[in-house]
C-alpha cells in the first residue's frame, strides 16, 4: 500500500466479485469472495454514466488501491463482512469503476467505484 493510501484509506469494504458463471438452477450470477479492501468512502456522489449509457446518482462512492479486478456488476458492503460467502441482501451493486494516475507521486494507480 502506498504512503498516500495508508494515510487515506483507513476504512474497510467487502467485495464479492462475479465468478463469470451462473447457478445452473436459479440462473443467478455466482460470486467469489468475500474480499476485504482498505478504502475511504462517501455516501452519494456526482451523477455518473454506467457502461450501458444510463445516468445514475451513486449511493456510495468508494476510493481504494486494491489490485483486485473489480468491475461493474460486482457487489460491495461498507465494512468487513467475512462471514458471508455470498453477497448479503445489503450488498450494493457496483455500477461504474474508474482509475486515476498516481505516478506523479511515485505510486500505483488509485481506483474509484460507484454503486
PDB file of N, CA and C in Angstrom:
ATOM      1  N   UNK A   1       0.850  -1.170   0.000  1.00  0.00           N
ATOM      2  CA  UNK A   1       0.000   0.000   0.000  1.00  0.00           C
ATOM      3  C   UNK A   1       0.897   1.234   0.000  1.00  0.00           C
ATOM      4  N   UNK A   2       0.535   2.203  -0.792  1.00  0.00           N
ATOM      5  CA  UNK A   2       1.334   3.423  -0.906  1.00  0.00           C
ATOM      6  C   UNK A   2       1.216   4.274   0.365  1.00  0.00           C
ATOM      7  N   UNK A   3       2.135   5.228   0.504  1.00  0.00           N
ATOM      8  CA  UNK A   3       2.109   6.127   1.658  1.00  0.00           C
ATOM      9  C   UNK A   3       0.811   6.932   1.693  1.00  0.00           C
ATOM     10  N   UNK A   4       0.357   7.388   0.526  1.00  0.00           N
ATOM     11  CA  UNK A   4      -0.895   8.147   0.464  1.00  0.00           C
ATOM     12  C   UNK A   4      -2.071   7.267   0.877  1.00  0.00           C
ATOM     13  N   UNK A   5      -2.090   6.035   0.404  1.00  0.00           N
ATOM     14  CA  UNK A   5      -3.188   5.121   0.727  1.00  0.00           C
ATOM     15  C   UNK A   5      -3.216   4.794   2.220  1.00  0.00           C
ATOM     16  N   UNK A   6      -2.056   4.605   2.843  1.00  0.00           N
ATOM     17  CA  UNK A   6      -2.020   4.312   4.284  1.00  0.00           C
ATOM     18  C   UNK A   6      -2.640   5.458   5.086  1.00  0.00           C
ATOM     19  N   UNK A   7      -2.453   6.668   4.623  1.00  0.00           N
ATOM     20  CA  UNK A   7      -2.989   7.826   5.313  1.00  0.00           C
ATOM     21  C   UNK A   7      -4.474   8.015   5.015  1.00  0.00           C
ATOM     22  N   UNK A   8      -4.880   7.699   3.781  1.00  0.00           N
ATOM     23  CA  UNK A   8      -6.229   7.998   3.324  1.00  0.00           C
ATOM     24  C   UNK A   8      -7.210   6.847   3.498  1.00  0.00           C
ATOM     25  N   UNK A   9      -6.813   5.641   3.131  1.00  0.00           N
ATOM     26  CA  UNK A   9      -7.726   4.505   3.098  1.00  0.00           C
ATOM     27  C   UNK A   9      -7.736   3.791   4.445  1.00  0.00           C
ATOM     28  N   UNK A  10      -8.455   4.370   5.400  1.00  0.00           N
ATOM     29  CA  UNK A  10      -8.456   3.870   6.769  1.00  0.00           C
ATOM     30  C   UNK A  10      -9.706   3.068   7.120  1.00  0.00           C
ATOM     31  N   UNK A  11     -10.606   2.915   6.195  1.00  0.00           N
ATOM     32  CA  UNK A  11     -11.829   2.143   6.423  1.00  0.00           C
ATOM     33  C   UNK A  11     -11.730   0.832   5.646  1.00  0.00           C
ATOM     34  N   UNK A  12     -12.718  -0.023   5.772  1.00  0.00           N
ATOM     35  CA  UNK A  12     -12.744  -1.278   5.023  1.00  0.00           C
ATOM     36  C   UNK A  12     -14.056  -1.429   4.278  1.00  0.00           C
ATOM     37  N   UNK A  13     -14.000  -2.174   3.183  1.00  0.00           N
ATOM     38  CA  UNK A  13     -15.197  -2.581   2.440  1.00  0.00           C
ATOM     39  C   UNK A  13     -15.005  -4.035   2.049  1.00  0.00           C
ATOM     40  N   UNK A  14     -16.099  -4.738   1.885  1.00  0.00           N
ATOM     41  CA  UNK A  14     -16.055  -6.140   1.496  1.00  0.00           C
ATOM     42  C   UNK A  14     -16.650  -6.287   0.111  1.00  0.00           C
ATOM     43  N   UNK A  15     -15.935  -7.000  -0.739  1.00  0.00           N
ATOM     44  CA  UNK A  15     -16.347  -7.201  -2.136  1.00  0.00           C
ATOM     45  C   UNK A  15     -16.613  -8.669  -2.427  1.00  0.00           C
ATOM     46  N   UNK A  16     -17.563  -8.882  -3.334  1.00  0.00           N
ATOM     47  CA  UNK A  16     -17.799 -10.187  -3.927  1.00  0.00           C
ATOM     48  C   UNK A  16     -17.710  -9.977  -5.427  1.00  0.00           C
ATOM     49  N   UNK A  17     -16.732 -10.633  -6.056  1.00  0.00           N
ATOM     50  CA  UNK A  17     -16.505 -10.461  -7.486  1.00  0.00           C
ATOM     51  C   UNK A  17     -17.281 -11.501  -8.274  1.00  0.00           C
ATOM     52  N   UNK A  18     -17.781 -11.117  -9.420  1.00  0.00           N
ATOM     53  CA  UNK A  18     -18.501 -12.050 -10.273  1.00  0.00           C
ATOM     54  C   UNK A  18     -17.571 -13.186 -10.696  1.00  0.00           C
ATOM     55  N   UNK A  19     -18.061 -14.398 -10.612  1.00  0.00           N
ATOM     56  CA  UNK A  19     -17.258 -15.565 -10.967  1.00  0.00           C
ATOM     57  C   UNK A  19     -17.328 -15.868 -12.459  1.00  0.00           C
ATOM     58  N   UNK A  20     -18.196 -15.183 -13.188  1.00  0.00           N
ATOM     59  CA  UNK A  20     -18.337 -15.443 -14.615  1.00  0.00           C
ATOM     60  C   UNK A  20     -19.204 -16.644 -14.921  1.00  0.00           C
ATOM     61  N   UNK A  21     -19.868 -17.159 -13.895  1.00  0.00           N
ATOM     62  CA  UNK A  21     -20.755 -18.319 -14.053  1.00  0.00           C
ATOM     63  C   UNK A  21     -22.093 -17.995 -13.415  1.00  0.00           C
ATOM     64  N   UNK A  22     -23.079 -18.798 -13.752  1.00  0.00           N
ATOM     65  CA  UNK A  22     -24.409 -18.658 -13.148  1.00  0.00           C
ATOM     66  C   UNK A  22     -24.803 -19.964 -12.495  1.00  0.00           C
ATOM     67  N   UNK A  23     -25.625 -19.849 -11.474  1.00  0.00           N
ATOM     68  CA  UNK A  23     -26.168 -21.029 -10.821  1.00  0.00           C
ATOM     69  C   UNK A  23     -26.994 -21.792 -11.852  1.00  0.00           C
ATOM     70  N   UNK A  24     -26.775 -23.092 -12.008  1.00  0.00           N
ATOM     71  CA  UNK A  24     -27.490 -23.832 -13.051  1.00  0.00           C
ATOM     72  C   UNK A  24     -29.002 -23.916 -12.834  1.00  0.00           C
ATOM     73  N   UNK A  25     -29.465 -23.699 -11.615  1.00  0.00           N
ATOM     74  CA  UNK A  25     -30.895 -23.813 -11.339  1.00  0.00           C
ATOM     75  C   UNK A  25     -31.591 -22.455 -11.296  1.00  0.00           C
ATOM     76  N   UNK A  26     -30.969 -21.480 -10.621  1.00  0.00           N
ATOM     77  CA  UNK A  26     -31.618 -20.180 -10.469  1.00  0.00           C
ATOM     78  C   UNK A  26     -31.198 -19.182 -11.547  1.00  0.00           C
ATOM     79  N   UNK A  27     -30.102 -19.462 -12.234  1.00  0.00           N
ATOM     80  CA  UNK A  27     -29.520 -18.578 -13.254  1.00  0.00           C
ATOM     81  C   UNK A  27     -29.003 -17.272 -12.661  1.00  0.00           C
ATOM     82  N   UNK A  28     -28.933 -17.189 -11.339  1.00  0.00           N
ATOM     83  CA  UNK A  28     -28.357 -16.022 -10.671  1.00  0.00           C
ATOM     84  C   UNK A  28     -26.841 -16.073 -10.809  1.00  0.00           C
ATOM     85  N   UNK A  29     -26.177 -14.915 -10.889  1.00  0.00           N
ATOM     86  CA  UNK A  29     -24.720 -14.926 -11.000  1.00  0.00           C
ATOM     87  C   UNK A  29     -24.062 -15.492  -9.742  1.00  0.00           C
ATOM     88  N   UNK A  30     -22.942 -16.159  -9.931  1.00  0.00           N
ATOM     89  CA  UNK A  30     -22.147 -16.676  -8.818  1.00  0.00           C
ATOM     90  C   UNK A  30     -20.998 -15.711  -8.560  1.00  0.00           C
ATOM     91  N   UNK A  31     -20.536 -15.668  -7.318  1.00  0.00           N
ATOM     92  CA  UNK A  31     -19.509 -14.719  -6.911  1.00  0.00           C
ATOM     93  C   UNK A  31     -18.374 -15.420  -6.177  1.00  0.00           C
ATOM     94  N   UNK A  32     -17.186 -14.789  -6.217  1.00  0.00           N
ATOM     95  CA  UNK A  32     -16.065 -15.215  -5.387  1.00  0.00           C
ATOM     96  C   UNK A  32     -15.945 -14.223  -4.249  1.00  0.00           C
ATOM     97  N   UNK A  33     -15.386 -14.666  -3.163  1.00  0.00           N
ATOM     98  CA  UNK A  33     -15.207 -13.754  -2.037  1.00  0.00           C
ATOM     99  C   UNK A  33     -15.659 -14.397  -0.760  1.00  0.00           C
ATOM    100  N   UNK A  34     -15.646 -13.646   0.276  1.00  0.00           N
ATOM    101  CA  UNK A  34     -15.507 -12.198   0.353  1.00  0.00           C
ATOM    102  C   UNK A  34     -14.049 -11.740   0.295  1.00  0.00           C
ATOM    103  N   UNK A  35     -13.849 -10.538  -0.208  1.00  0.00           N
ATOM    104  CA  UNK A  35     -12.538  -9.895  -0.285  1.00  0.00           C
ATOM    105  C   UNK A  35     -12.644  -8.560   0.454  1.00  0.00           C
ATOM    106  N   UNK A  36     -11.821  -8.353   1.465  1.00  0.00           N
ATOM    107  CA  UNK A  36     -11.836  -7.098   2.221  1.00  0.00           C
ATOM    108  C   UNK A  36     -10.720  -6.200   1.702  1.00  0.00           C
ATOM    109  N   UNK A  37     -11.067  -4.939   1.415  1.00  0.00           N
ATOM    110  CA  UNK A  37     -10.087  -3.968   0.924  1.00  0.00           C
ATOM    111  C   UNK A  37     -10.068  -2.753   1.836  1.00  0.00           C
ATOM    112  N   UNK A  38      -8.938  -2.064   1.855  1.00  0.00           N
ATOM    113  CA  UNK A  38      -8.831  -0.775   2.537  1.00  0.00           C
ATOM    114  C   UNK A  38      -9.399   0.289   1.602  1.00  0.00           C
ATOM    115  N   UNK A  39     -10.125   1.237   2.170  1.00  0.00           N
ATOM    116  CA  UNK A  39     -10.779   2.238   1.322  1.00  0.00           C
ATOM    117  C   UNK A  39     -11.145   3.471   2.132  1.00  0.00           C
ATOM    118  N   UNK A  40     -11.688   4.427   1.444  1.00  0.00           N
ATOM    119  CA  UNK A  40     -12.423   5.531   2.053  1.00  0.00           C
ATOM    120  C   UNK A  40     -13.670   5.701   1.199  1.00  0.00           C
ATOM    121  N   UNK A  41     -14.709   6.283   1.757  1.00  0.00           N
ATOM    122  CA  UNK A  41     -15.966   6.345   1.006  1.00  0.00           C
ATOM    123  C   UNK A  41     -16.768   7.571   1.399  1.00  0.00           C
ATOM    124  N   UNK A  42     -17.768   7.859   0.589  1.00  0.00           N
ATOM    125  CA  UNK A  42     -18.795   8.825   0.957  1.00  0.00           C
ATOM    126  C   UNK A  42     -20.107   8.318   0.397  1.00  0.00           C
ATOM    127  N   UNK A  43     -21.169   8.665   1.095  1.00  0.00           N
ATOM    128  CA  UNK A  43     -22.494   8.346   0.585  1.00  0.00           C
ATOM    129  C   UNK A  43     -22.846   9.364  -0.480  1.00  0.00           C
ATOM    130  N   UNK A  44     -23.499   8.889  -1.525  1.00  0.00           N
ATOM    131  CA  UNK A  44     -23.892   9.713  -2.669  1.00  0.00           C
ATOM    132  C   UNK A  44     -22.679  10.042  -3.530  1.00  0.00           C
ATOM    133  N   UNK A  45     -22.826  11.012  -4.396  1.00  0.00           N
ATOM    134  CA  UNK A  45     -21.765  11.408  -5.298  1.00  0.00           C
ATOM    135  C   UNK A  45     -22.355  12.160  -6.476  1.00  0.00           C
ATOM    136  N   UNK A  46     -21.491  12.554  -7.371  1.00  0.00           N
ATOM    137  CA  UNK A  46     -21.905  13.275  -8.570  1.00  0.00           C
ATOM    138  C   UNK A  46     -22.561  12.312  -9.564  1.00  0.00           C
ATOM    139  N   UNK A  47     -23.436  12.815 -10.407  1.00  0.00           N
ATOM    140  CA  UNK A  47     -24.091  11.995 -11.423  1.00  0.00           C
ATOM    141  C   UNK A  47     -23.043  11.320 -12.299  1.00  0.00           C
ATOM    142  N   UNK A  48     -23.227  10.035 -12.535  1.00  0.00           N
ATOM    143  CA  UNK A  48     -22.313   9.216 -13.331  1.00  0.00           C
ATOM    144  C   UNK A  48     -23.077   8.576 -14.479  1.00  0.00           C
ATOM    145  N   UNK A  49     -22.354   8.054 -15.440  1.00  0.00           N
ATOM    146  CA  UNK A  49     -22.941   7.287 -16.540  1.00  0.00           C
ATOM    147  C   UNK A  49     -22.355   5.891 -16.493  1.00  0.00           C
ATOM    148  N   UNK A  50     -23.227   4.859 -16.455  1.00  0.00           N
ATOM    149  CA  UNK A  50     -22.735   3.483 -16.380  1.00  0.00           C
ATOM    150  C   UNK A  50     -22.333   2.964 -17.757  1.00  0.00           C
ATOM    151  N   UNK A  51     -21.899   1.701 -17.801  1.00  0.00           N
ATOM    152  CA  UNK A  51     -21.407   1.105 -19.045  1.00  0.00           C
ATOM    153  C   UNK A  51     -22.456   1.058 -20.157  1.00  0.00           C
ATOM    154  N   UNK A  52     -23.735   1.064 -19.785  1.00  0.00           N
ATOM    155  CA  UNK A  52     -24.799   0.998 -20.792  1.00  0.00           C
ATOM    156  C   UNK A  52     -25.286   2.390 -21.212  1.00  0.00           C
ATOM    157  N   UNK A  53     -24.664   3.440 -20.645  1.00  0.00           N
ATOM    158  CA  UNK A  53     -25.036   4.800 -21.018  1.00  0.00           C
ATOM    159  C   UNK A  53     -26.117   5.416 -20.143  1.00  0.00           C
ATOM    160  N   UNK A  54     -26.573   4.694 -19.111  1.00  0.00           N
ATOM    161  CA  UNK A  54     -27.603   5.210 -18.216  1.00  0.00           C
ATOM    162  C   UNK A  54     -26.979   6.079 -17.130  1.00  0.00           C
ATOM    163  N   UNK A  55     -27.577   7.240 -16.872  1.00  0.00           N
ATOM    164  CA  UNK A  55     -27.090   8.098 -15.811  1.00  0.00           C
ATOM    165  C   UNK A  55     -27.665   7.649 -14.475  1.00  0.00           C
ATOM    166  N   UNK A  56     -26.879   7.839 -13.415  1.00  0.00           N
ATOM    167  CA  UNK A  56     -27.328   7.491 -12.071  1.00  0.00           C
ATOM    168  C   UNK A  56     -26.580   8.353 -11.066  1.00  0.00           C
ATOM    169  N   UNK A  57     -27.176   8.515  -9.891  1.00  0.00           N
ATOM    170  CA  UNK A  57     -26.510   9.176  -8.777  1.00  0.00           C
ATOM    171  C   UNK A  57     -26.073   8.058  -7.832  1.00  0.00           C
ATOM    172  N   UNK A  58     -24.776   7.925  -7.577  1.00  0.00           N
ATOM    173  CA  UNK A  58     -24.292   6.819  -6.752  1.00  0.00           C
ATOM    174  C   UNK A  58     -24.858   6.852  -5.340  1.00  0.00           C
ATOM    175  N   UNK A  59     -25.121   5.675  -4.811  1.00  0.00           N
ATOM    176  CA  UNK A  59     -25.484   5.560  -3.404  1.00  0.00           C
ATOM    177  C   UNK A  59     -24.225   5.674  -2.556  1.00  0.00           C
ATOM    178  N   UNK A  60     -23.118   5.100  -3.056  1.00  0.00           N
ATOM    179  CA  UNK A  60     -21.816   5.204  -2.400  1.00  0.00           C
ATOM    180  C   UNK A  60     -20.749   5.451  -3.454  1.00  0.00           C
ATOM    181  N   UNK A  61     -19.734   6.221  -3.082  1.00  0.00           N
ATOM    182  CA  UNK A  61     -18.535   6.399  -3.884  1.00  0.00           C
ATOM    183  C   UNK A  61     -17.392   5.884  -3.025  1.00  0.00           C
ATOM    184  N   UNK A  62     -16.611   4.931  -3.551  1.00  0.00           N
ATOM    185  CA  UNK A  62     -15.562   4.271  -2.767  1.00  0.00           C
ATOM    186  C   UNK A  62     -14.231   4.418  -3.497  1.00  0.00           C
ATOM    187  N   UNK A  63     -13.221   4.960  -2.778  1.00  0.00           N
ATOM    188  CA  UNK A  63     -11.873   5.085  -3.332  1.00  0.00           C
ATOM    189  C   UNK A  63     -11.006   4.009  -2.705  1.00  0.00           C
ATOM    190  N   UNK A  64     -10.133   3.395  -3.502  1.00  0.00           N
ATOM    191  CA  UNK A  64      -9.284   2.312  -2.992  1.00  0.00           C
ATOM    192  C   UNK A  64      -8.059   2.152  -3.870  1.00  0.00           C
ATOM    193  N   UNK A  65      -7.160   1.260  -3.440  1.00  0.00           N
ATOM    194  CA  UNK A  65      -5.934   0.991  -4.171  1.00  0.00           C
ATOM    195  C   UNK A  65      -5.780  -0.505  -4.426  1.00  0.00           C
ATOM    196  N   UNK A  66      -6.843  -1.265  -4.261  1.00  0.00           N
ATOM    197  CA  UNK A  66      -6.772  -2.722  -4.389  1.00  0.00           C
ATOM    198  C   UNK A  66      -6.491  -3.153  -5.828  1.00  0.00           C
ATOM    199  N   UNK A  67      -5.614  -4.146  -6.011  1.00  0.00           N
ATOM    200  CA  UNK A  67      -5.350  -4.669  -7.352  1.00  0.00           C
ATOM    201  C   UNK A  67      -6.391  -5.695  -7.823  1.00  0.00           C
ATOM    202  N   UNK A  68      -7.420  -5.967  -7.013  1.00  0.00           N
ATOM    203  CA  UNK A  68      -8.462  -6.911  -7.433  1.00  0.00           C
ATOM    204  C   UNK A  68      -9.102  -6.437  -8.740  1.00  0.00           C
ATOM    205  N   UNK A  69      -9.492  -7.360  -9.607  1.00  0.00           N
ATOM    206  CA  UNK A  69     -10.134  -6.972 -10.880  1.00  0.00           C
ATOM    207  C   UNK A  69     -11.614  -6.617 -10.696  1.00  0.00           C
ATOM    208  N   UNK A  70     -11.883  -5.538  -9.997  1.00  0.00           N
ATOM    209  CA  UNK A  70     -13.251  -5.117  -9.687  1.00  0.00           C
ATOM    210  C   UNK A  70     -13.892  -4.552 -10.946  1.00  0.00           C
ATOM    211  N   UNK A  71     -15.155  -4.928 -11.183  1.00  0.00           N
ATOM    212  CA  UNK A  71     -15.853  -4.465 -12.370  1.00  0.00           C
ATOM    213  C   UNK A  71     -17.327  -4.217 -12.078  1.00  0.00           C
ATOM    214  N   UNK A  72     -17.995  -3.575 -13.000  1.00  0.00           N
ATOM    215  CA  UNK A  72     -19.434  -3.353 -12.877  1.00  0.00           C
ATOM    216  C   UNK A  72     -20.127  -4.699 -12.695  1.00  0.00           C
ATOM    217  N   UNK A  73     -21.097  -4.737 -11.787  1.00  0.00           N
ATOM    218  CA  UNK A  73     -21.835  -5.964 -11.508  1.00  0.00           C
ATOM    219  C   UNK A  73     -21.358  -6.684 -10.260  1.00  0.00           C
ATOM    220  N   UNK A  74     -20.131  -6.383  -9.799  1.00  0.00           N
ATOM    221  CA  UNK A  74     -19.660  -6.946  -8.538  1.00  0.00           C
ATOM    222  C   UNK A  74     -20.478  -6.335  -7.410  1.00  0.00           C
ATOM    223  N   UNK A  75     -20.375  -6.903  -6.207  1.00  0.00           N
ATOM    224  CA  UNK A  75     -21.153  -6.422  -5.066  1.00  0.00           C
ATOM    225  C   UNK A  75     -20.223  -5.925  -3.969  1.00  0.00           C
ATOM    226  N   UNK A  76     -20.703  -4.964  -3.174  1.00  0.00           N
ATOM    227  CA  UNK A  76     -19.894  -4.371  -2.107  1.00  0.00           C
ATOM    228  C   UNK A  76     -20.747  -4.027  -0.895  1.00  0.00           C
ATOM    229  N   UNK A  77     -20.127  -4.150   0.290  1.00  0.00           N
ATOM    230  CA  UNK A  77     -20.697  -3.707   1.554  1.00  0.00           C
ATOM    231  C   UNK A  77     -19.618  -2.875   2.230  1.00  0.00           C
ATOM    232  N   UNK A  78     -19.975  -1.721   2.762  1.00  0.00           N
ATOM    233  CA  UNK A  78     -19.027  -0.923   3.523  1.00  0.00           C
ATOM    234  C   UNK A  78     -18.823  -1.620   4.863  1.00  0.00           C
ATOM    235  N   UNK A  79     -17.557  -1.856   5.213  1.00  0.00           N
ATOM    236  CA  UNK A  79     -17.200  -2.567   6.437  1.00  0.00           C
ATOM    237  C   UNK A  79     -16.749  -3.980   6.117  1.00  0.00           C
ATOM    238  N   UNK A  80     -16.191  -4.653   7.108  1.00  0.00           N
ATOM    239  CA  UNK A  80     -15.716  -6.028   6.934  1.00  0.00           C
ATOM    240  C   UNK A  80     -16.878  -6.989   7.169  1.00  0.00           C
ATOM    241  N   UNK A  81     -17.132  -7.877   6.209  1.00  0.00           N
ATOM    242  CA  UNK A  81     -18.241  -8.836   6.296  1.00  0.00           C
ATOM    243  C   UNK A  81     -17.752 -10.214   5.868  1.00  0.00           C
ATOM    244  N   UNK A  82     -16.759 -10.743   6.568  1.00  0.00           N
ATOM    245  CA  UNK A  82     -16.131 -12.011   6.178  1.00  0.00           C
ATOM    246  C   UNK A  82     -17.007 -13.236   6.423  1.00  0.00           C
ATOM    247  N   UNK A  83     -18.076 -13.080   7.188  1.00  0.00           N
ATOM    248  CA  UNK A  83     -18.923 -14.228   7.496  1.00  0.00           C
ATOM    249  C   UNK A  83     -19.850 -14.621   6.342  1.00  0.00           C
ATOM    250  N   UNK A  84     -19.967 -13.766   5.327  1.00  0.00           N
ATOM    251  CA  UNK A  84     -20.888 -14.013   4.223  1.00  0.00           C
ATOM    252  C   UNK A  84     -20.158 -14.565   3.002  1.00  0.00           C
ATOM    253  N   UNK A  85     -20.430 -15.823   2.648  1.00  0.00           N
ATOM    254  CA  UNK A  85     -19.823 -16.441   1.463  1.00  0.00           C
ATOM    255  C   UNK A  85     -20.411 -15.880   0.171  1.00  0.00           C
ATOM    256  N   UNK A  86     -21.658 -15.453   0.243  1.00  0.00           N
ATOM    257  CA  UNK A  86     -22.322 -14.852  -0.912  1.00  0.00           C
ATOM    258  C   UNK A  86     -22.704 -13.430  -0.523  1.00  0.00           C
ATOM    259  N   UNK A  87     -22.889 -12.557  -1.493  1.00  0.00           N
ATOM    260  CA  UNK A  87     -23.254 -11.180  -1.132  1.00  0.00           C
ATOM    261  C   UNK A  87     -24.553 -11.145  -0.331  1.00  0.00           C
ATOM    262  N   UNK A  88     -24.558 -10.467   0.827  1.00  0.00           N
ATOM    263  CA  UNK A  88     -25.797 -10.367   1.607  1.00  0.00           C
ATOM    264  C   UNK A  88     -26.793  -9.443   0.907  1.00  0.00           C
ATOM    265  N   UNK A  89     -28.012  -9.446   1.388  1.00  0.00           N
ATOM    266  CA  UNK A  89     -29.061  -8.609   0.798  1.00  0.00           C
ATOM    267  C   UNK A  89     -28.709  -7.131   0.866  1.00  0.00           C
ATOM    268  N   UNK A  90     -27.868  -6.750   1.816  1.00  0.00           N
ATOM    269  CA  UNK A  90     -27.485  -5.346   1.972  1.00  0.00           C
ATOM    270  C   UNK A  90     -26.361  -4.930   1.014  1.00  0.00           C
ATOM    271  N   UNK A  91     -25.790  -5.878   0.295  1.00  0.00           N
ATOM    272  CA  UNK A  91     -24.701  -5.555  -0.639  1.00  0.00           C
ATOM    273  C   UNK A  91     -25.243  -4.721  -1.797  1.00  0.00           C
ATOM    274  N   UNK A  92     -24.460  -3.743  -2.210  1.00  0.00           N
ATOM    275  CA  UNK A  92     -24.852  -2.889  -3.328  1.00  0.00           C
ATOM    276  C   UNK A  92     -24.103  -3.322  -4.581  1.00  0.00           C
ATOM    277  N   UNK A  93     -24.737  -3.137  -5.717  1.00  0.00           N
ATOM    278  CA  UNK A  93     -24.126  -3.486  -6.995  1.00  0.00           C
ATOM    279  C   UNK A  93     -23.240  -2.350  -7.474  1.00  0.00           C
ATOM    280  N   UNK A  94     -22.025  -2.682  -7.876  1.00  0.00           N
ATOM    281  CA  UNK A  94     -21.113  -1.692  -8.433  1.00  0.00           C
ATOM    282  C   UNK A  94     -21.572  -1.379  -9.851  1.00  0.00           C
ATOM    283  N   UNK A  95     -21.780  -0.100 -10.134  1.00  0.00           N
ATOM    284  CA  UNK A  95     -22.284   0.315 -11.446  1.00  0.00           C
ATOM    285  C   UNK A  95     -21.202   0.898 -12.348  1.00  0.00           C
ATOM    286  N   UNK A  96     -20.130   1.408 -11.749  1.00  0.00           N
ATOM    287  CA  UNK A  96     -19.070   2.021 -12.551  1.00  0.00           C
ATOM    288  C   UNK A  96     -17.762   1.946 -11.781  1.00  0.00           C
ATOM    289  N   UNK A  97     -16.664   1.734 -12.507  1.00  0.00           N
ATOM    290  CA  UNK A  97     -15.329   1.681 -11.928  1.00  0.00           C
ATOM    291  C   UNK A  97     -14.433   2.637 -12.712  1.00  0.00           C
ATOM    292  N   UNK A  98     -13.592   3.358 -12.022  1.00  0.00           N
ATOM    293  CA  UNK A  98     -12.659   4.265 -12.678  1.00  0.00           C
ATOM    294  C   UNK A  98     -11.306   4.224 -12.002  1.00  0.00           C
ATOM    295  N   UNK A  99     -10.333   4.901 -12.591  1.00  0.00           N
ATOM    296  CA  UNK A  99      -8.976   4.938 -12.037  1.00  0.00           C
ATOM    297  C   UNK A  99      -8.338   6.281 -12.349  1.00  0.00           C
ATOM    298  N   UNK A 100      -7.304   6.612 -11.609  1.00  0.00           N
ATOM    299  CA  UNK A 100      -6.527   7.782 -11.951  1.00  0.00           C
ATOM    300  C   UNK A 100      -5.062   7.531 -11.642  1.00  0.00           C
ATOM    301  N   UNK A 101      -4.233   8.216 -12.408  1.00  0.00           N
ATOM    302  CA  UNK A 101      -2.787   8.059 -12.382  1.00  0.00           C
ATOM    303  C   UNK A 101      -2.200   8.700 -11.135  1.00  0.00           C
ATOM    304  N   UNK A 102      -1.428   7.943 -10.390  1.00  0.00           N
ATOM    305  CA  UNK A 102      -0.748   8.468  -9.210  1.00  0.00           C
ATOM    306  C   UNK A 102       0.768   8.526  -9.420  1.00  0.00           C
ATOM    307  N   UNK A 103       1.229   8.311 -10.678  1.00  0.00           N
ATOM    308  CA  UNK A 103       2.665   8.300 -10.936  1.00  0.00           C
ATOM    309  C   UNK A 103       3.364   9.620 -10.601  1.00  0.00           C
ATOM    310  N   UNK A 104       2.680  10.780 -10.648  1.00  0.00           N
ATOM    311  CA  UNK A 104       3.383  11.996 -10.209  1.00  0.00           C
ATOM    312  C   UNK A 104       3.866  11.911  -8.757  1.00  0.00           C
ATOM    313  N   UNK A 105       3.232  11.031  -7.977  1.00  0.00           N
ATOM    314  CA  UNK A 105       3.618  10.841  -6.582  1.00  0.00           C
ATOM    315  C   UNK A 105       4.474   9.591  -6.397  1.00  0.00           C
ATOM    316  N   UNK A 106       4.837   8.947  -7.522  1.00  0.00           N
ATOM    317  CA  UNK A 106       5.634   7.726  -7.461  1.00  0.00           C
ATOM    318  C   UNK A 106       4.849   6.535  -6.945  1.00  0.00           C
ATOM    319  N   UNK A 107       3.536   6.518  -7.195  1.00  0.00           N
ATOM    320  CA  UNK A 107       2.672   5.476  -6.659  1.00  0.00           C
ATOM    321  C   UNK A 107       1.900   4.775  -7.773  1.00  0.00           C
ATOM    322  N   UNK A 108       1.360   3.615  -7.429  1.00  0.00           N
ATOM    323  CA  UNK A 108       0.498   2.863  -8.347  1.00  0.00           C
ATOM    324  C   UNK A 108      -0.829   3.593  -8.493  1.00  0.00           C
ATOM    325  N   UNK A 109      -1.616   3.256  -9.535  1.00  0.00           N
ATOM    326  CA  UNK A 109      -2.921   3.928  -9.732  1.00  0.00           C
ATOM    327  C   UNK A 109      -3.859   3.705  -8.542  1.00  0.00           C
ATOM    328  N   UNK A 110      -4.723   4.660  -8.326  1.00  0.00           N
ATOM    329  CA  UNK A 110      -5.816   4.532  -7.365  1.00  0.00           C
ATOM    330  C   UNK A 110      -7.096   4.314  -8.168  1.00  0.00           C
ATOM    331  N   UNK A 111      -8.111   3.782  -7.504  1.00  0.00           N
ATOM    332  CA  UNK A 111      -9.352   3.430  -8.181  1.00  0.00           C
ATOM    333  C   UNK A 111     -10.541   4.002  -7.427  1.00  0.00           C
ATOM    334  N   UNK A 112     -11.631   4.177  -8.144  1.00  0.00           N
ATOM    335  CA  UNK A 112     -12.882   4.624  -7.564  1.00  0.00           C
ATOM    336  C   UNK A 112     -13.996   3.732  -8.114  1.00  0.00           C
ATOM    337  N   UNK A 113     -14.965   3.458  -7.275  1.00  0.00           N
ATOM    338  CA  UNK A 113     -16.131   2.712  -7.762  1.00  0.00           C
ATOM    339  C   UNK A 113     -17.384   3.379  -7.241  1.00  0.00           C
ATOM    340  N   UNK A 114     -18.450   3.213  -7.998  1.00  0.00           N
ATOM    341  CA  UNK A 114     -19.732   3.850  -7.704  1.00  0.00           C
ATOM    342  C   UNK A 114     -20.816   2.786  -7.641  1.00  0.00           C
ATOM    343  N   UNK A 115     -21.689   2.886  -6.622  1.00  0.00           N
ATOM    344  CA  UNK A 115     -22.799   1.926  -6.534  1.00  0.00           C
ATOM    345  C   UNK A 115     -24.103   2.604  -6.896  1.00  0.00           C
TER     346      UNK A 115
END
